[in-house]
Every structure is written in structure tokens, then in C-alpha cells.
Amino acid sequence: MRVAGEVLVLRPSFAALVAAEGEPAPMARVDFAEGVAAGGLAAATPVLRVLVGQILAGR
């Protein structure tokens, strides 16, 4: 996913997310939120669809 001109890697599982916590964050949370908002909902929809699907499936 591209946010504020930066390519971000989305973690496919909770275990991968936890393992990545030791990595330095490429941008602050507020900058991420503003970048997603600036990019528009249409650009974020495919990623959000996968994320919500995983949450609802309990993964």
C-alpha cells in the first residue's frame, strides 16, 4: 500500500505483525492516518477489504 508516497508492507497475519514490531516505523501513526485520508477511500478499499475479512474470520 502506498501512503504519502511511501510503499508500506502490510503484514499477512497477526504473528507477522508482532514479529515486525521490532522494526523501526517508517512514519508516525498520525502521518499514516493523514496519508490514507489524503489518498482517498477508493485507493485504500482493496486493502481494507482484506483486513476486515481477516478480522471477521478471526485471523
N, C-alpha and C. Protein backbone atom coordinates (compact mmCIF):
# COMPACT_ATOMS: atom_id res chain seq x y z
N MET A 1 0.86 -1.17 0.00
CA MET A 1 0.00 0.00 0.00
C MET A 1 0.90 1.23 0.00
N ARG A 2 0.56 2.19 -0.83
CA ARG A 2 1.35 3.43 -0.89
C ARG A 2 0.63 4.50 -0.08
N VAL A 3 1.35 5.10 0.88
CA VAL A 3 0.80 6.15 1.73
C VAL A 3 1.81 7.28 1.77
N ALA A 4 1.36 8.47 1.43
CA ALA A 4 2.21 9.66 1.43
C ALA A 4 3.49 9.44 0.63
N GLY A 5 3.36 8.75 -0.51
CA GLY A 5 4.50 8.50 -1.38
C GLY A 5 5.42 7.40 -0.93
N GLU A 6 5.10 6.73 0.14
CA GLU A 6 5.95 5.67 0.68
C GLU A 6 5.23 4.33 0.59
N VAL A 7 5.95 3.29 0.11
CA VAL A 7 5.35 1.97 0.00
C VAL A 7 5.47 1.28 1.36
N LEU A 8 4.31 0.84 1.88
CA LEU A 8 4.27 0.15 3.17
C LEU A 8 3.93 -1.31 2.95
N VAL A 9 4.58 -2.18 3.70
CA VAL A 9 4.30 -3.61 3.64
C VAL A 9 3.25 -3.93 4.68
N LEU A 10 2.17 -4.55 4.24
CA LEU A 10 1.12 -4.96 5.16
C LEU A 10 1.40 -6.39 5.60
N ARG A 11 1.22 -6.66 6.86
CA ARG A 11 1.53 -7.96 7.41
C ARG A 11 0.36 -8.91 7.21
N PRO A 12 0.61 -10.11 6.66
CA PRO A 12 -0.48 -11.03 6.34
C PRO A 12 -1.10 -11.74 7.54
N SER A 13 -0.47 -11.65 8.69
CA SER A 13 -1.02 -12.35 9.85
C SER A 13 -0.64 -11.58 11.12
N PHE A 14 -1.34 -11.92 12.20
CA PHE A 14 -1.04 -11.28 13.47
C PHE A 14 0.38 -11.64 13.92
N ALA A 15 0.79 -12.89 13.70
CA ALA A 15 2.14 -13.31 14.08
C ALA A 15 3.20 -12.49 13.34
N ALA A 16 2.97 -12.23 12.06
CA ALA A 16 3.91 -11.42 11.29
C ALA A 16 3.92 -9.99 11.79
N LEU A 17 2.75 -9.49 12.18
CA LEU A 17 2.67 -8.14 12.71
C LEU A 17 3.46 -8.02 14.01
N VAL A 18 3.29 -8.99 14.90
CA VAL A 18 4.00 -8.97 16.17
C VAL A 18 5.51 -9.06 15.93
N ALA A 19 5.92 -9.91 15.01
CA ALA A 19 7.34 -10.06 14.70
C ALA A 19 7.93 -8.76 14.15
N ALA A 20 7.11 -7.97 13.46
CA ALA A 20 7.59 -6.73 12.85
C ALA A 20 7.64 -5.57 13.82
N GLU A 21 7.15 -5.74 15.03
CA GLU A 21 7.14 -4.62 15.97
C GLU A 21 8.54 -4.11 16.30
N GLY A 22 9.54 -4.96 16.13
CA GLY A 22 10.91 -4.54 16.39
C GLY A 22 11.50 -3.70 15.28
N GLU A 23 10.83 -3.67 14.14
CA GLU A 23 11.32 -2.87 13.02
C GLU A 23 11.01 -1.39 13.28
N PRO A 24 11.91 -0.51 12.84
CA PRO A 24 11.60 0.92 13.01
C PRO A 24 10.42 1.32 12.14
N ALA A 25 9.54 2.11 12.69
CA ALA A 25 8.36 2.55 11.95
C ALA A 25 8.76 3.58 10.89
N PRO A 26 8.28 3.42 9.63
CA PRO A 26 8.65 4.37 8.59
C PRO A 26 7.96 5.73 8.74
N MET A 27 6.83 5.75 9.47
CA MET A 27 6.14 7.03 9.68
C MET A 27 5.29 6.94 10.94
N ALA A 28 5.01 8.07 11.50
CA ALA A 28 4.20 8.14 12.72
C ALA A 28 2.75 7.77 12.41
N ARG A 29 2.03 7.32 13.41
CA ARG A 29 0.64 6.90 13.23
C ARG A 29 -0.23 8.02 12.65
N VAL A 30 -0.04 9.23 13.15
CA VAL A 30 -0.85 10.35 12.65
C VAL A 30 -0.52 10.64 11.18
N ASP A 31 0.75 10.51 10.81
CA ASP A 31 1.14 10.72 9.41
C ASP A 31 0.53 9.63 8.51
N PHE A 32 0.48 8.40 9.03
CA PHE A 32 -0.14 7.31 8.29
C PHE A 32 -1.63 7.60 8.06
N ALA A 33 -2.32 7.98 9.13
CA ALA A 33 -3.76 8.25 9.03
C ALA A 33 -4.03 9.39 8.05
N GLU A 34 -3.24 10.44 8.12
CA GLU A 34 -3.42 11.57 7.22
C GLU A 34 -3.11 11.18 5.77
N GLY A 35 -2.10 10.33 5.60
CA GLY A 35 -1.75 9.87 4.26
C GLY A 35 -2.84 9.01 3.64
N VAL A 36 -3.43 8.12 4.44
CA VAL A 36 -4.54 7.29 3.95
C VAL A 36 -5.72 8.18 3.58
N ALA A 37 -6.04 9.14 4.43
CA ALA A 37 -7.15 10.05 4.15
C ALA A 37 -6.88 10.86 2.89
N ALA A 38 -5.66 11.33 2.72
CA ALA A 38 -5.32 12.13 1.54
C ALA A 38 -5.36 11.29 0.27
N GLY A 39 -4.99 9.99 0.40
CA GLY A 39 -5.01 9.11 -0.77
C GLY A 39 -6.41 8.74 -1.21
N GLY A 40 -7.35 8.87 -0.31
CA GLY A 40 -8.74 8.60 -0.64
C GLY A 40 -9.16 7.18 -0.30
N LEU A 41 -10.45 7.06 -0.02
CA LEU A 41 -11.02 5.77 0.36
C LEU A 41 -10.93 4.76 -0.78
N ALA A 42 -11.09 5.21 -2.01
CA ALA A 42 -11.04 4.30 -3.16
C ALA A 42 -9.70 3.58 -3.24
N ALA A 43 -8.62 4.29 -2.96
CA ALA A 43 -7.30 3.68 -3.02
C ALA A 43 -7.07 2.70 -1.88
N ALA A 44 -7.68 2.94 -0.73
CA ALA A 44 -7.49 2.09 0.44
C ALA A 44 -8.46 0.92 0.50
N THR A 45 -9.53 0.95 -0.30
CA THR A 45 -10.57 -0.07 -0.22
C THR A 45 -10.08 -1.51 -0.40
N PRO A 46 -9.24 -1.82 -1.39
CA PRO A 46 -8.79 -3.22 -1.52
C PRO A 46 -8.06 -3.73 -0.28
N VAL A 47 -7.23 -2.90 0.30
CA VAL A 47 -6.50 -3.29 1.50
C VAL A 47 -7.45 -3.43 2.68
N LEU A 48 -8.36 -2.49 2.83
CA LEU A 48 -9.32 -2.54 3.93
C LEU A 48 -10.23 -3.76 3.81
N ARG A 49 -10.61 -4.14 2.60
CA ARG A 49 -11.46 -5.31 2.39
C ARG A 49 -10.76 -6.57 2.92
N VAL A 50 -9.49 -6.73 2.61
CA VAL A 50 -8.74 -7.89 3.09
C VAL A 50 -8.61 -7.85 4.62
N LEU A 51 -8.29 -6.70 5.15
CA LEU A 51 -8.11 -6.54 6.60
C LEU A 51 -9.40 -6.86 7.36
N VAL A 52 -10.51 -6.29 6.92
CA VAL A 52 -11.79 -6.54 7.59
C VAL A 52 -12.19 -8.00 7.46
N GLY A 53 -11.93 -8.59 6.30
CA GLY A 53 -12.22 -10.02 6.10
C GLY A 53 -11.45 -10.90 7.07
N GLN A 54 -10.17 -10.57 7.29
CA GLN A 54 -9.37 -11.33 8.25
C GLN A 54 -9.85 -11.14 9.67
N ILE A 55 -10.23 -9.93 10.01
CA ILE A 55 -10.74 -9.67 11.36
C ILE A 55 -12.02 -10.46 11.60
N LEU A 56 -12.94 -10.43 10.64
CA LEU A 56 -14.21 -11.14 10.79
C LEU A 56 -14.04 -12.65 10.80
N ALA A 57 -12.98 -13.13 10.14
CA ALA A 57 -12.71 -14.57 10.12
C ALA A 57 -11.95 -15.02 11.36
N GLY A 58 -11.55 -14.06 12.19
CA GLY A 58 -10.82 -14.39 13.42
C GLY A 58 -9.37 -14.74 13.19
N ARG A 59 -8.78 -14.21 12.13
CA ARG A 59 -7.37 -14.48 11.87
C ARG A 59 -6.49 -13.39 12.39
